[in-house]
PDB file of N, CA and C in Angstrom:
ATOM      1  N   UNK A   1      62.126  32.708  16.283  1.00  0.00           N
ATOM      2  CA  UNK A   1      62.621  33.974  16.741  1.00  0.00           C
ATOM      3  C   UNK A   1      62.950  33.940  18.221  1.00  0.00           C
ATOM      4  N   UNK A   2      63.448  32.851  18.727  1.00  0.00           N
ATOM      5  CA  UNK A   2      63.790  32.848  20.144  1.00  0.00           C
ATOM      6  C   UNK A   2      65.035  33.692  20.423  1.00  0.00           C
ATOM      7  N   UNK A   3      65.000  34.386  21.548  1.00  0.00           N
ATOM      8  CA  UNK A   3      66.124  35.203  22.008  1.00  0.00           C
ATOM      9  C   UNK A   3      66.498  34.773  23.412  1.00  0.00           C
ATOM     10  N   UNK A   4      67.729  34.325  23.578  1.00  0.00           N
ATOM     11  CA  UNK A   4      68.252  33.982  24.889  1.00  0.00           C
ATOM     12  C   UNK A   4      69.184  35.111  25.314  1.00  0.00           C
ATOM     13  N   UNK A   5      68.889  35.710  26.471  1.00  0.00           N
ATOM     14  CA  UNK A   5      69.726  36.781  26.993  1.00  0.00           C
ATOM     15  C   UNK A   5      70.253  36.337  28.350  1.00  0.00           C
ATOM     16  N   UNK A   6      71.559  36.219  28.448  1.00  0.00           N
ATOM     17  CA  UNK A   6      72.243  35.833  29.671  1.00  0.00           C
ATOM     18  C   UNK A   6      72.751  37.103  30.349  1.00  0.00           C
ATOM     19  N   UNK A   7      72.099  37.503  31.438  1.00  0.00           N
ATOM     20  CA  UNK A   7      72.529  38.669  32.205  1.00  0.00           C
ATOM     21  C   UNK A   7      73.320  38.164  33.401  1.00  0.00           C
ATOM     22  N   UNK A   8      74.404  38.865  33.737  1.00  0.00           N
ATOM     23  CA  UNK A   8      75.202  38.411  34.869  1.00  0.00           C
ATOM     24  C   UNK A   8      75.922  39.579  35.526  1.00  0.00           C
ATOM     25  N   UNK A   9      76.142  39.453  36.820  1.00  0.00           N
ATOM     26  CA  UNK A   9      76.890  40.468  37.554  1.00  0.00           C
ATOM     27  C   UNK A   9      78.355  40.379  37.160  1.00  0.00           C
ATOM     28  N   UNK A  10      79.009  41.519  37.113  1.00  0.00           N
ATOM     29  CA  UNK A  10      80.392  41.532  36.636  1.00  0.00           C
ATOM     30  C   UNK A  10      81.315  40.669  37.493  1.00  0.00           C
ATOM     31  N   UNK A  11      80.952  40.378  38.721  1.00  0.00           N
ATOM     32  CA  UNK A  11      81.753  39.511  39.581  1.00  0.00           C
ATOM     33  C   UNK A  11      81.773  38.065  39.081  1.00  0.00           C
ATOM     34  N   UNK A  12      80.806  37.695  38.264  1.00  0.00           N
ATOM     35  CA  UNK A  12      80.730  36.333  37.724  1.00  0.00           C
ATOM     36  C   UNK A  12      81.868  36.073  36.740  1.00  0.00           C
ATOM     37  N   UNK A  13      82.288  37.114  36.032  1.00  0.00           N
ATOM     38  CA  UNK A  13      83.365  36.986  35.039  1.00  0.00           C
ATOM     39  C   UNK A  13      84.610  36.308  35.589  1.00  0.00           C
ATOM     40  N   UNK A  14      84.897  36.536  36.856  1.00  0.00           N
ATOM     41  CA  UNK A  14      86.104  35.998  37.468  1.00  0.00           C
ATOM     42  C   UNK A  14      86.021  34.505  37.730  1.00  0.00           C
ATOM     43  N   UNK A  15      84.796  33.958  37.778  1.00  0.00           N
ATOM     44  CA  UNK A  15      84.639  32.567  38.204  1.00  0.00           C
ATOM     45  C   UNK A  15      83.914  31.670  37.219  1.00  0.00           C
ATOM     46  N   UNK A  16      83.387  32.241  36.156  1.00  0.00           N
ATOM     47  CA  UNK A  16      82.627  31.464  35.174  1.00  0.00           C
ATOM     48  C   UNK A  16      83.129  31.818  33.784  1.00  0.00           C
ATOM     49  N   UNK A  17      83.280  30.822  32.943  1.00  0.00           N
ATOM     50  CA  UNK A  17      83.591  31.039  31.529  1.00  0.00           C
ATOM     51  C   UNK A  17      82.280  31.444  30.851  1.00  0.00           C
ATOM     52  N   UNK A  18      82.008  32.736  30.804  1.00  0.00           N
ATOM     53  CA  UNK A  18      80.726  33.235  30.320  1.00  0.00           C
ATOM     54  C   UNK A  18      80.502  32.855  28.857  1.00  0.00           C
ATOM     55  N   UNK A  19      81.518  32.986  28.015  1.00  0.00           N
ATOM     56  CA  UNK A  19      81.363  32.625  26.603  1.00  0.00           C
ATOM     57  C   UNK A  19      81.040  31.137  26.462  1.00  0.00           C
ATOM     58  N   UNK A  20      81.738  30.291  27.203  1.00  0.00           N
ATOM     59  CA  UNK A  20      81.468  28.855  27.158  1.00  0.00           C
ATOM     60  C   UNK A  20      80.071  28.531  27.650  1.00  0.00           C
ATOM     61  N   UNK A  21      79.640  29.194  28.725  1.00  0.00           N
ATOM     62  CA  UNK A  21      78.290  29.002  29.245  1.00  0.00           C
ATOM     63  C   UNK A  21      77.265  29.427  28.210  1.00  0.00           C
ATOM     64  N   UNK A  22      77.468  30.580  27.583  1.00  0.00           N
ATOM     65  CA  UNK A  22      76.546  31.063  26.558  1.00  0.00           C
ATOM     66  C   UNK A  22      76.452  30.068  25.401  1.00  0.00           C
ATOM     67  N   UNK A  23      77.578  29.546  24.967  1.00  0.00           N
ATOM     68  CA  UNK A  23      77.581  28.566  23.876  1.00  0.00           C
ATOM     69  C   UNK A  23      76.816  27.310  24.255  1.00  0.00           C
ATOM     70  N   UNK A  24      76.984  26.828  25.480  1.00  0.00           N
ATOM     71  CA  UNK A  24      76.260  25.625  25.914  1.00  0.00           C
ATOM     72  C   UNK A  24      74.767  25.874  26.040  1.00  0.00           C
ATOM     73  N   UNK A  25      74.377  27.037  26.541  1.00  0.00           N
ATOM     74  CA  UNK A  25      72.959  27.390  26.615  1.00  0.00           C
ATOM     75  C   UNK A  25      72.365  27.515  25.214  1.00  0.00           C
ATOM     76  N   UNK A  26      73.134  28.086  24.299  1.00  0.00           N
ATOM     77  CA  UNK A  26      72.697  28.218  22.906  1.00  0.00           C
ATOM     78  C   UNK A  26      72.448  26.830  22.304  1.00  0.00           C
ATOM     79  N   UNK A  27      73.305  25.881  22.625  1.00  0.00           N
ATOM     80  CA  UNK A  27      73.133  24.509  22.125  1.00  0.00           C
ATOM     81  C   UNK A  27      71.836  23.892  22.651  1.00  0.00           C
ATOM     82  N   UNK A  28      71.494  24.172  23.899  1.00  0.00           N
ATOM     83  CA  UNK A  28      70.224  23.684  24.447  1.00  0.00           C
ATOM     84  C   UNK A  28      69.072  24.203  23.600  1.00  0.00           C
ATOM     85  N   UNK A  29      69.097  25.499  23.294  1.00  0.00           N
ATOM     86  CA  UNK A  29      68.028  26.090  22.484  1.00  0.00           C
ATOM     87  C   UNK A  29      67.997  25.495  21.085  1.00  0.00           C
ATOM     88  N   UNK A  30      69.174  25.279  20.501  1.00  0.00           N
ATOM     89  CA  UNK A  30      69.240  24.714  19.145  1.00  0.00           C
ATOM     90  C   UNK A  30      68.677  23.305  19.076  1.00  0.00           C
ATOM     91  N   UNK A  31      68.874  22.533  20.128  1.00  0.00           N
ATOM     92  CA  UNK A  31      68.555  21.106  20.069  1.00  0.00           C
ATOM     93  C   UNK A  31      67.326  20.700  20.879  1.00  0.00           C
ATOM     94  N   UNK A  32      66.567  21.681  21.362  1.00  0.00           N
ATOM     95  CA  UNK A  32      65.381  21.334  22.155  1.00  0.00           C
ATOM     96  C   UNK A  32      64.205  20.885  21.297  1.00  0.00           C
ATOM     97  N   UNK A  33      64.290  21.086  19.983  1.00  0.00           N
ATOM     98  CA  UNK A  33      63.230  20.647  19.089  1.00  0.00           C
ATOM     99  C   UNK A  33      62.088  21.628  18.920  1.00  0.00           C
ATOM    100  N   UNK A  34      62.228  22.822  19.456  1.00  0.00           N
ATOM    101  CA  UNK A  34      61.145  23.795  19.380  1.00  0.00           C
ATOM    102  C   UNK A  34      61.348  24.876  18.323  1.00  0.00           C
ATOM    103  N   UNK A  35      62.585  24.997  17.801  1.00  0.00           N
ATOM    104  CA  UNK A  35      62.905  26.129  16.938  1.00  0.00           C
ATOM    105  C   UNK A  35      63.711  25.686  15.721  1.00  0.00           C
ATOM    106  N   UNK A  36      63.638  26.509  14.657  1.00  0.00           N
ATOM    107  CA  UNK A  36      64.545  26.343  13.520  1.00  0.00           C
ATOM    108  C   UNK A  36      65.885  26.938  13.930  1.00  0.00           C
ATOM    109  N   UNK A  37      66.952  26.200  13.725  1.00  0.00           N
ATOM    110  CA  UNK A  37      68.280  26.627  14.178  1.00  0.00           C
ATOM    111  C   UNK A  37      68.656  28.050  13.745  1.00  0.00           C
ATOM    112  N   UNK A  38      68.413  28.455  12.497  1.00  0.00           N
ATOM    113  CA  UNK A  38      68.833  29.811  12.101  1.00  0.00           C
ATOM    114  C   UNK A  38      68.118  30.943  12.847  1.00  0.00           C
ATOM    115  N   UNK A  39      67.003  30.636  13.499  1.00  0.00           N
ATOM    116  CA  UNK A  39      66.251  31.687  14.183  1.00  0.00           C
ATOM    117  C   UNK A  39      66.695  31.897  15.630  1.00  0.00           C
ATOM    118  N   UNK A  40      67.516  31.016  16.169  1.00  0.00           N
ATOM    119  CA  UNK A  40      67.934  31.107  17.569  1.00  0.00           C
ATOM    120  C   UNK A  40      69.046  32.141  17.724  1.00  0.00           C
ATOM    121  N   UNK A  41      68.832  33.086  18.633  1.00  0.00           N
ATOM    122  CA  UNK A  41      69.824  34.134  18.901  1.00  0.00           C
ATOM    123  C   UNK A  41      70.138  34.142  20.385  1.00  0.00           C
ATOM    124  N   UNK A  42      71.412  34.188  20.720  1.00  0.00           N
ATOM    125  CA  UNK A  42      71.835  34.217  22.125  1.00  0.00           C
ATOM    126  C   UNK A  42      72.875  35.309  22.314  1.00  0.00           C
ATOM    127  N   UNK A  43      72.807  35.964  23.466  1.00  0.00           N
ATOM    128  CA  UNK A  43      73.781  37.013  23.766  1.00  0.00           C
ATOM    129  C   UNK A  43      73.916  37.138  25.284  1.00  0.00           C
ATOM    130  N   UNK A  44      75.010  37.744  25.692  1.00  0.00           N
ATOM    131  CA  UNK A  44      75.215  37.971  27.120  1.00  0.00           C
ATOM    132  C   UNK A  44      75.328  39.466  27.386  1.00  0.00           C
ATOM    133  N   UNK A  45      74.866  39.851  28.549  1.00  0.00           N
ATOM    134  CA  UNK A  45      74.930  41.245  28.992  1.00  0.00           C
ATOM    135  C   UNK A  45      75.527  41.273  30.390  1.00  0.00           C
ATOM    136  N   UNK A  46      76.671  41.899  30.509  1.00  0.00           N
ATOM    137  CA  UNK A  46      77.336  42.036  31.797  1.00  0.00           C
ATOM    138  C   UNK A  46      76.763  43.250  32.522  1.00  0.00           C
ATOM    139  N   UNK A  47      76.334  43.060  33.747  1.00  0.00           N
ATOM    140  CA  UNK A  47      75.773  44.152  34.549  1.00  0.00           C
ATOM    141  C   UNK A  47      76.852  44.713  35.457  1.00  0.00           C
ATOM    142  N   UNK A  48      77.060  45.996  35.357  1.00  0.00           N
ATOM    143  CA  UNK A  48      78.057  46.669  36.176  1.00  0.00           C
ATOM    144  C   UNK A  48      77.454  47.228  37.461  1.00  0.00           C
ATOM    145  N   UNK A  49      76.167  47.442  37.450  1.00  0.00           N
ATOM    146  CA  UNK A  49      75.476  47.991  38.624  1.00  0.00           C
ATOM    147  C   UNK A  49      74.228  47.155  38.890  1.00  0.00           C
ATOM    148  N   UNK A  50      74.056  46.725  40.141  1.00  0.00           N
ATOM    149  CA  UNK A  50      72.892  45.959  40.519  1.00  0.00           C
ATOM    150  C   UNK A  50      72.722  46.032  42.032  1.00  0.00           C
ATOM    151  N   UNK A  51      71.522  45.755  42.484  1.00  0.00           N
ATOM    152  CA  UNK A  51      71.209  45.700  43.911  1.00  0.00           C
ATOM    153  C   UNK A  51      70.326  44.485  44.147  1.00  0.00           C
ATOM    154  N   UNK A  52      70.566  43.793  45.246  1.00  0.00           N
ATOM    155  CA  UNK A  52      69.746  42.649  45.619  1.00  0.00           C
ATOM    156  C   UNK A  52      69.380  42.795  47.089  1.00  0.00           C
ATOM    157  N   UNK A  53      68.081  42.930  47.360  1.00  0.00           N
ATOM    158  CA  UNK A  53      67.612  43.050  48.739  1.00  0.00           C
ATOM    159  C   UNK A  53      68.379  44.111  49.509  1.00  0.00           C
ATOM    160  N   UNK A  54      68.780  43.758  50.700  1.00  0.00           N
ATOM    161  CA  UNK A  54      69.542  44.679  51.540  1.00  0.00           C
ATOM    162  C   UNK A  54      71.039  44.404  51.467  1.00  0.00           C
ATOM    163  N   UNK A  55      71.439  43.472  50.581  1.00  0.00           N
ATOM    164  CA  UNK A  55      72.850  43.126  50.440  1.00  0.00           C
ATOM    165  C   UNK A  55      73.527  43.891  49.305  1.00  0.00           C
ATOM    166  N   UNK A  56      72.784  44.787  48.706  1.00  0.00           N
ATOM    167  CA  UNK A  56      73.307  45.623  47.628  1.00  0.00           C
ATOM    168  C   UNK A  56      73.946  44.783  46.526  1.00  0.00           C
ATOM    169  N   UNK A  57      75.205  45.066  46.186  1.00  0.00           N
ATOM    170  CA  UNK A  57      75.838  44.364  45.066  1.00  0.00           C
ATOM    171  C   UNK A  57      76.775  43.244  45.528  1.00  0.00           C
ATOM    172  N   UNK A  58      76.590  42.757  46.756  1.00  0.00           N
ATOM    173  CA  UNK A  58      77.434  41.666  47.234  1.00  0.00           C
ATOM    174  C   UNK A  58      76.908  40.295  46.786  1.00  0.00           C
ATOM    175  N   UNK A  59      75.727  40.248  46.226  1.00  0.00           N
ATOM    176  CA  UNK A  59      75.137  38.994  45.741  1.00  0.00           C
ATOM    177  C   UNK A  59      75.377  38.900  44.242  1.00  0.00           C
ATOM    178  N   UNK A  60      76.119  37.871  43.819  1.00  0.00           N
ATOM    179  CA  UNK A  60      76.318  37.701  42.380  1.00  0.00           C
ATOM    180  C   UNK A  60      75.157  36.904  41.795  1.00  0.00           C
ATOM    181  N   UNK A  61      74.936  37.076  40.498  1.00  0.00           N
ATOM    182  CA  UNK A  61      73.779  36.436  39.871  1.00  0.00           C
ATOM    183  C   UNK A  61      74.034  36.136  38.403  1.00  0.00           C
ATOM    184  N   UNK A  62      73.241  35.184  37.912  1.00  0.00           N
ATOM    185  CA  UNK A  62      73.073  34.948  36.480  1.00  0.00           C
ATOM    186  C   UNK A  62      71.577  34.791  36.266  1.00  0.00           C
ATOM    187  N   UNK A  63      71.067  35.525  35.316  1.00  0.00           N
ATOM    188  CA  UNK A  63      69.642  35.431  34.981  1.00  0.00           C
ATOM    189  C   UNK A  63      69.508  35.225  33.476  1.00  0.00           C
ATOM    190  N   UNK A  64      68.728  34.241  33.104  1.00  0.00           N
ATOM    191  CA  UNK A  64      68.443  33.992  31.692  1.00  0.00           C
ATOM    192  C   UNK A  64      67.016  34.424  31.403  1.00  0.00           C
ATOM    193  N   UNK A  65      66.883  35.332  30.452  1.00  0.00           N
ATOM    194  CA  UNK A  65      65.577  35.674  29.895  1.00  0.00           C
ATOM    195  C   UNK A  65      65.502  35.012  28.528  1.00  0.00           C
ATOM    196  N   UNK A  66      64.469  34.234  28.318  1.00  0.00           N
ATOM    197  CA  UNK A  66      64.312  33.533  27.049  1.00  0.00           C
ATOM    198  C   UNK A  66      62.956  33.915  26.475  1.00  0.00           C
ATOM    199  N   UNK A  67      62.978  34.665  25.391  1.00  0.00           N
ATOM    200  CA  UNK A  67      61.743  35.107  24.747  1.00  0.00           C
ATOM    201  C   UNK A  67      61.502  34.273  23.503  1.00  0.00           C
ATOM    202  N   UNK A  68      60.260  33.824  23.355  1.00  0.00           N
ATOM    203  CA  UNK A  68      59.887  33.042  22.176  1.00  0.00           C
ATOM    204  C   UNK A  68      58.491  33.433  21.731  1.00  0.00           C
ATOM    205  N   UNK A  69      58.212  33.203  20.474  1.00  0.00           N
ATOM    206  CA  UNK A  69      56.882  33.522  19.977  1.00  0.00           C
ATOM    207  C   UNK A  69      55.856  32.628  20.658  1.00  0.00           C
ATOM    208  N   UNK A  70      54.703  33.195  20.968  1.00  0.00           N
ATOM    209  CA  UNK A  70      53.654  32.447  21.647  1.00  0.00           C
ATOM    210  C   UNK A  70      53.229  31.245  20.799  1.00  0.00           C
ATOM    211  N   UNK A  71      52.710  30.242  21.477  1.00  0.00           N
ATOM    212  CA  UNK A  71      52.235  29.047  20.783  1.00  0.00           C
ATOM    213  C   UNK A  71      52.809  27.751  21.338  1.00  0.00           C
ATOM    214  N   UNK A  72      53.833  27.840  22.207  1.00  0.00           N
ATOM    215  CA  UNK A  72      54.390  26.637  22.828  1.00  0.00           C
ATOM    216  C   UNK A  72      53.559  26.290  24.054  1.00  0.00           C
ATOM    217  N   UNK A  73      53.503  25.024  24.384  1.00  0.00           N
ATOM    218  CA  UNK A  73      52.740  24.597  25.556  1.00  0.00           C
ATOM    219  C   UNK A  73      53.505  24.943  26.833  1.00  0.00           C
ATOM    220  N   UNK A  74      52.784  24.964  27.941  1.00  0.00           N
ATOM    221  CA  UNK A  74      53.428  25.190  29.233  1.00  0.00           C
ATOM    222  C   UNK A  74      54.475  24.120  29.503  1.00  0.00           C
ATOM    223  N   UNK A  75      54.187  22.887  29.161  1.00  0.00           N
ATOM    224  CA  UNK A  75      55.144  21.807  29.391  1.00  0.00           C
ATOM    225  C   UNK A  75      56.408  21.992  28.550  1.00  0.00           C
ATOM    226  N   UNK A  76      56.269  22.403  27.306  1.00  0.00           N
ATOM    227  CA  UNK A  76      57.443  22.662  26.469  1.00  0.00           C
ATOM    228  C   UNK A  76      58.306  23.765  27.079  1.00  0.00           C
ATOM    229  N   UNK A  77      57.664  24.800  27.577  1.00  0.00           N
ATOM    230  CA  UNK A  77      58.411  25.908  28.193  1.00  0.00           C
ATOM    231  C   UNK A  77      59.059  25.470  29.501  1.00  0.00           C
ATOM    232  N   UNK A  78      58.360  24.647  30.284  1.00  0.00           N
ATOM    233  CA  UNK A  78      58.951  24.126  31.523  1.00  0.00           C
ATOM    234  C   UNK A  78      60.179  23.279  31.232  1.00  0.00           C
ATOM    235  N   UNK A  79      60.084  22.411  30.229  1.00  0.00           N
ATOM    236  CA  UNK A  79      61.223  21.552  29.877  1.00  0.00           C
ATOM    237  C   UNK A  79      62.416  22.373  29.389  1.00  0.00           C
ATOM    238  N   UNK A  80      62.156  23.399  28.603  1.00  0.00           N
ATOM    239  CA  UNK A  80      63.233  24.274  28.153  1.00  0.00           C
ATOM    240  C   UNK A  80      63.874  24.977  29.347  1.00  0.00           C
ATOM    241  N   UNK A  81      63.067  25.482  30.259  1.00  0.00           N
ATOM    242  CA  UNK A  81      63.571  26.143  31.454  1.00  0.00           C
ATOM    243  C   UNK A  81      64.426  25.191  32.281  1.00  0.00           C
ATOM    244  N   UNK A  82      63.962  23.970  32.456  1.00  0.00           N
ATOM    245  CA  UNK A  82      64.726  22.970  33.223  1.00  0.00           C
ATOM    246  C   UNK A  82      66.059  22.654  32.554  1.00  0.00           C
ATOM    247  N   UNK A  83      66.042  22.485  31.242  1.00  0.00           N
ATOM    248  CA  UNK A  83      67.275  22.152  30.515  1.00  0.00           C
ATOM    249  C   UNK A  83      68.292  23.290  30.619  1.00  0.00           C
ATOM    250  N   UNK A  84      67.825  24.523  30.541  1.00  0.00           N
ATOM    251  CA  UNK A  84      68.723  25.666  30.696  1.00  0.00           C
ATOM    252  C   UNK A  84      69.290  25.727  32.117  1.00  0.00           C
ATOM    253  N   UNK A  85      68.443  25.451  33.106  1.00  0.00           N
ATOM    254  CA  UNK A  85      68.894  25.479  34.499  1.00  0.00           C
ATOM    255  C   UNK A  85      69.918  24.382  34.778  1.00  0.00           C
ATOM    256  N   UNK A  86      69.767  23.226  34.164  1.00  0.00           N
ATOM    257  CA  UNK A  86      70.754  22.151  34.346  1.00  0.00           C
ATOM    258  C   UNK A  86      72.133  22.640  33.927  1.00  0.00           C
ATOM    259  N   UNK A  87      72.218  23.287  32.773  1.00  0.00           N
ATOM    260  CA  UNK A  87      73.503  23.814  32.295  1.00  0.00           C
ATOM    261  C   UNK A  87      74.026  24.882  33.252  1.00  0.00           C
ATOM    262  N   UNK A  88      73.146  25.767  33.694  1.00  0.00           N
ATOM    263  CA  UNK A  88      73.558  26.805  34.652  1.00  0.00           C
ATOM    264  C   UNK A  88      74.146  26.180  35.918  1.00  0.00           C
ATOM    265  N   UNK A  89      73.456  25.199  36.471  1.00  0.00           N
ATOM    266  CA  UNK A  89      73.919  24.583  37.705  1.00  0.00           C
ATOM    267  C   UNK A  89      75.217  23.816  37.505  1.00  0.00           C
ATOM    268  N   UNK A  90      75.386  23.193  36.350  1.00  0.00           N
ATOM    269  CA  UNK A  90      76.625  22.463  36.078  1.00  0.00           C
ATOM    270  C   UNK A  90      77.828  23.390  36.027  1.00  0.00           C
ATOM    271  N   UNK A  91      77.650  24.570  35.477  1.00  0.00           N
ATOM    272  CA  UNK A  91      78.785  25.457  35.234  1.00  0.00           C
ATOM    273  C   UNK A  91      78.903  26.624  36.207  1.00  0.00           C
ATOM    274  N   UNK A  92      77.840  26.894  36.965  1.00  0.00           N
ATOM    275  CA  UNK A  92      77.872  28.091  37.811  1.00  0.00           C
ATOM    276  C   UNK A  92      77.201  27.858  39.160  1.00  0.00           C
ATOM    277  N   UNK A  93      77.313  26.665  39.689  1.00  0.00           N
ATOM    278  CA  UNK A  93      76.642  26.360  40.963  1.00  0.00           C
ATOM    279  C   UNK A  93      77.142  27.224  42.108  1.00  0.00           C
ATOM    280  N   UNK A  94      78.335  27.770  41.991  1.00  0.00           N
ATOM    281  CA  UNK A  94      78.907  28.623  43.032  1.00  0.00           C
ATOM    282  C   UNK A  94      78.400  30.068  42.962  1.00  0.00           C
ATOM    283  N   UNK A  95      77.655  30.414  41.924  1.00  0.00           N
ATOM    284  CA  UNK A  95      77.043  31.743  41.830  1.00  0.00           C
ATOM    285  C   UNK A  95      75.784  31.712  42.705  1.00  0.00           C
ATOM    286  N   UNK A  96      75.617  32.744  43.499  1.00  0.00           N
ATOM    287  CA  UNK A  96      74.570  32.714  44.530  1.00  0.00           C
ATOM    288  C   UNK A  96      73.146  32.650  43.986  1.00  0.00           C
ATOM    289  N   UNK A  97      72.856  33.380  42.930  1.00  0.00           N
ATOM    290  CA  UNK A  97      71.493  33.409  42.404  1.00  0.00           C
ATOM    291  C   UNK A  97      71.489  33.017  40.930  1.00  0.00           C
ATOM    292  N   UNK A  98      70.799  31.931  40.617  1.00  0.00           N
ATOM    293  CA  UNK A  98      70.632  31.461  39.236  1.00  0.00           C
ATOM    294  C   UNK A  98      69.141  31.434  38.936  1.00  0.00           C
ATOM    295  N   UNK A  99      68.727  32.131  37.880  1.00  0.00           N
ATOM    296  CA  UNK A  99      67.311  32.173  37.532  1.00  0.00           C
ATOM    297  C   UNK A  99      67.120  32.069  36.021  1.00  0.00           C
ATOM    298  N   UNK A 100      65.959  31.517  35.654  1.00  0.00           N
ATOM    299  CA  UNK A 100      65.569  31.390  34.250  1.00  0.00           C
ATOM    300  C   UNK A 100      64.116  31.835  34.141  1.00  0.00           C
ATOM    301  N   UNK A 101      63.826  32.638  33.135  1.00  0.00           N
ATOM    302  CA  UNK A 101      62.454  33.048  32.875  1.00  0.00           C
ATOM    303  C   UNK A 101      62.164  32.891  31.390  1.00  0.00           C
ATOM    304  N   UNK A 102      61.126  32.132  31.077  1.00  0.00           N
ATOM    305  CA  UNK A 102      60.684  31.943  29.701  1.00  0.00           C
ATOM    306  C   UNK A 102      59.482  32.859  29.483  1.00  0.00           C
ATOM    307  N   UNK A 103      59.528  33.672  28.431  1.00  0.00           N
ATOM    308  CA  UNK A 103      58.468  34.640  28.153  1.00  0.00           C
ATOM    309  C   UNK A 103      57.939  34.494  26.743  1.00  0.00           C
ATOM    310  N   UNK A 104      56.625  34.539  26.614  1.00  0.00           N
ATOM    311  CA  UNK A 104      55.994  34.547  25.299  1.00  0.00           C
ATOM    312  C   UNK A 104      56.005  35.958  24.721  1.00  0.00           C
ATOM    313  N   UNK A 105      56.300  36.047  23.437  1.00  0.00           N
ATOM    314  CA  UNK A 105      56.139  37.294  22.694  1.00  0.00           C
ATOM    315  C   UNK A 105      54.839  37.182  21.903  1.00  0.00           C
ATOM    316  N   UNK A 106      54.149  38.264  21.740  1.00  0.00           N
ATOM    317  CA  UNK A 106      52.885  38.268  21.005  1.00  0.00           C
ATOM    318  C   UNK A 106      53.158  38.090  19.520  1.00  0.00           C
ATOM    319  N   UNK A 107      52.741  36.965  18.986  1.00  0.00           N
ATOM    320  CA  UNK A 107      52.996  36.641  17.574  1.00  0.00           C
ATOM    321  C   UNK A 107      52.316  37.632  16.628  1.00  0.00           C
ATOM    322  N   UNK A 108      51.222  38.255  17.072  1.00  0.00           N
ATOM    323  CA  UNK A 108      50.486  39.181  16.210  1.00  0.00           C
ATOM    324  C   UNK A 108      51.134  40.559  16.103  1.00  0.00           C
ATOM    325  N   UNK A 109      51.981  40.916  17.064  1.00  0.00           N
ATOM    326  CA  UNK A 109      52.602  42.234  17.005  1.00  0.00           C
ATOM    327  C   UNK A 109      54.110  42.187  16.786  1.00  0.00           C
ATOM    328  N   UNK A 110      54.686  41.022  16.726  1.00  0.00           N
ATOM    329  CA  UNK A 110      56.120  40.887  16.502  1.00  0.00           C
ATOM    330  C   UNK A 110      56.461  41.242  15.048  1.00  0.00           C
ATOM    331  N   UNK A 111      57.531  42.003  14.880  1.00  0.00           N
ATOM    332  CA  UNK A 111      57.996  42.399  13.544  1.00  0.00           C
ATOM    333  C   UNK A 111      59.428  41.951  13.365  1.00  0.00           C
ATOM    334  N   UNK A 112      59.778  41.559  12.150  1.00  0.00           N
ATOM    335  CA  UNK A 112      61.146  41.113  11.870  1.00  0.00           C
ATOM    336  C   UNK A 112      61.527  41.486  10.437  1.00  0.00           C
ATOM    337  N   UNK A 113      62.746  41.996  10.273  1.00  0.00           N
ATOM    338  CA  UNK A 113      63.281  42.316   8.954  1.00  0.00           C
ATOM    339  C   UNK A 113      64.639  41.659   8.859  1.00  0.00           C
ATOM    340  N   UNK A 114      64.875  40.935   7.788  1.00  0.00           N
ATOM    341  CA  UNK A 114      66.186  40.332   7.536  1.00  0.00           C
ATOM    342  C   UNK A 114      66.679  40.873   6.213  1.00  0.00           C
ATOM    343  N   UNK A 115      67.853  41.454   6.206  1.00  0.00           N
ATOM    344  CA  UNK A 115      68.434  42.006   4.967  1.00  0.00           C
ATOM    345  C   UNK A 115      69.528  41.117   4.450  1.00  0.00           C
TER     346      UNK A 115
END
């Protein structure tokens, strides 16, 4: 049940192929060896309003939030974070702020319905 969410400032659209970046990040998740391929979900969210420090919206960014069910080791999560960052840096090194955050979801309270 991993979820990759690529958030980015709307200014990034002009300089990065967001769909291509999302597809490459999705491939990292598919092939990292931690998940069943059908359970991997990736999406992008364009941010129209944002503020960074005292520079307001003049700082462009890409942030990846990656949520996965608890149970992976810290090293597995670090390696996944590094692999995602490599793709980010390859395709968006000119974007001022690139960040990745891996988050555990509580396996005991997670609910899922597939129809």
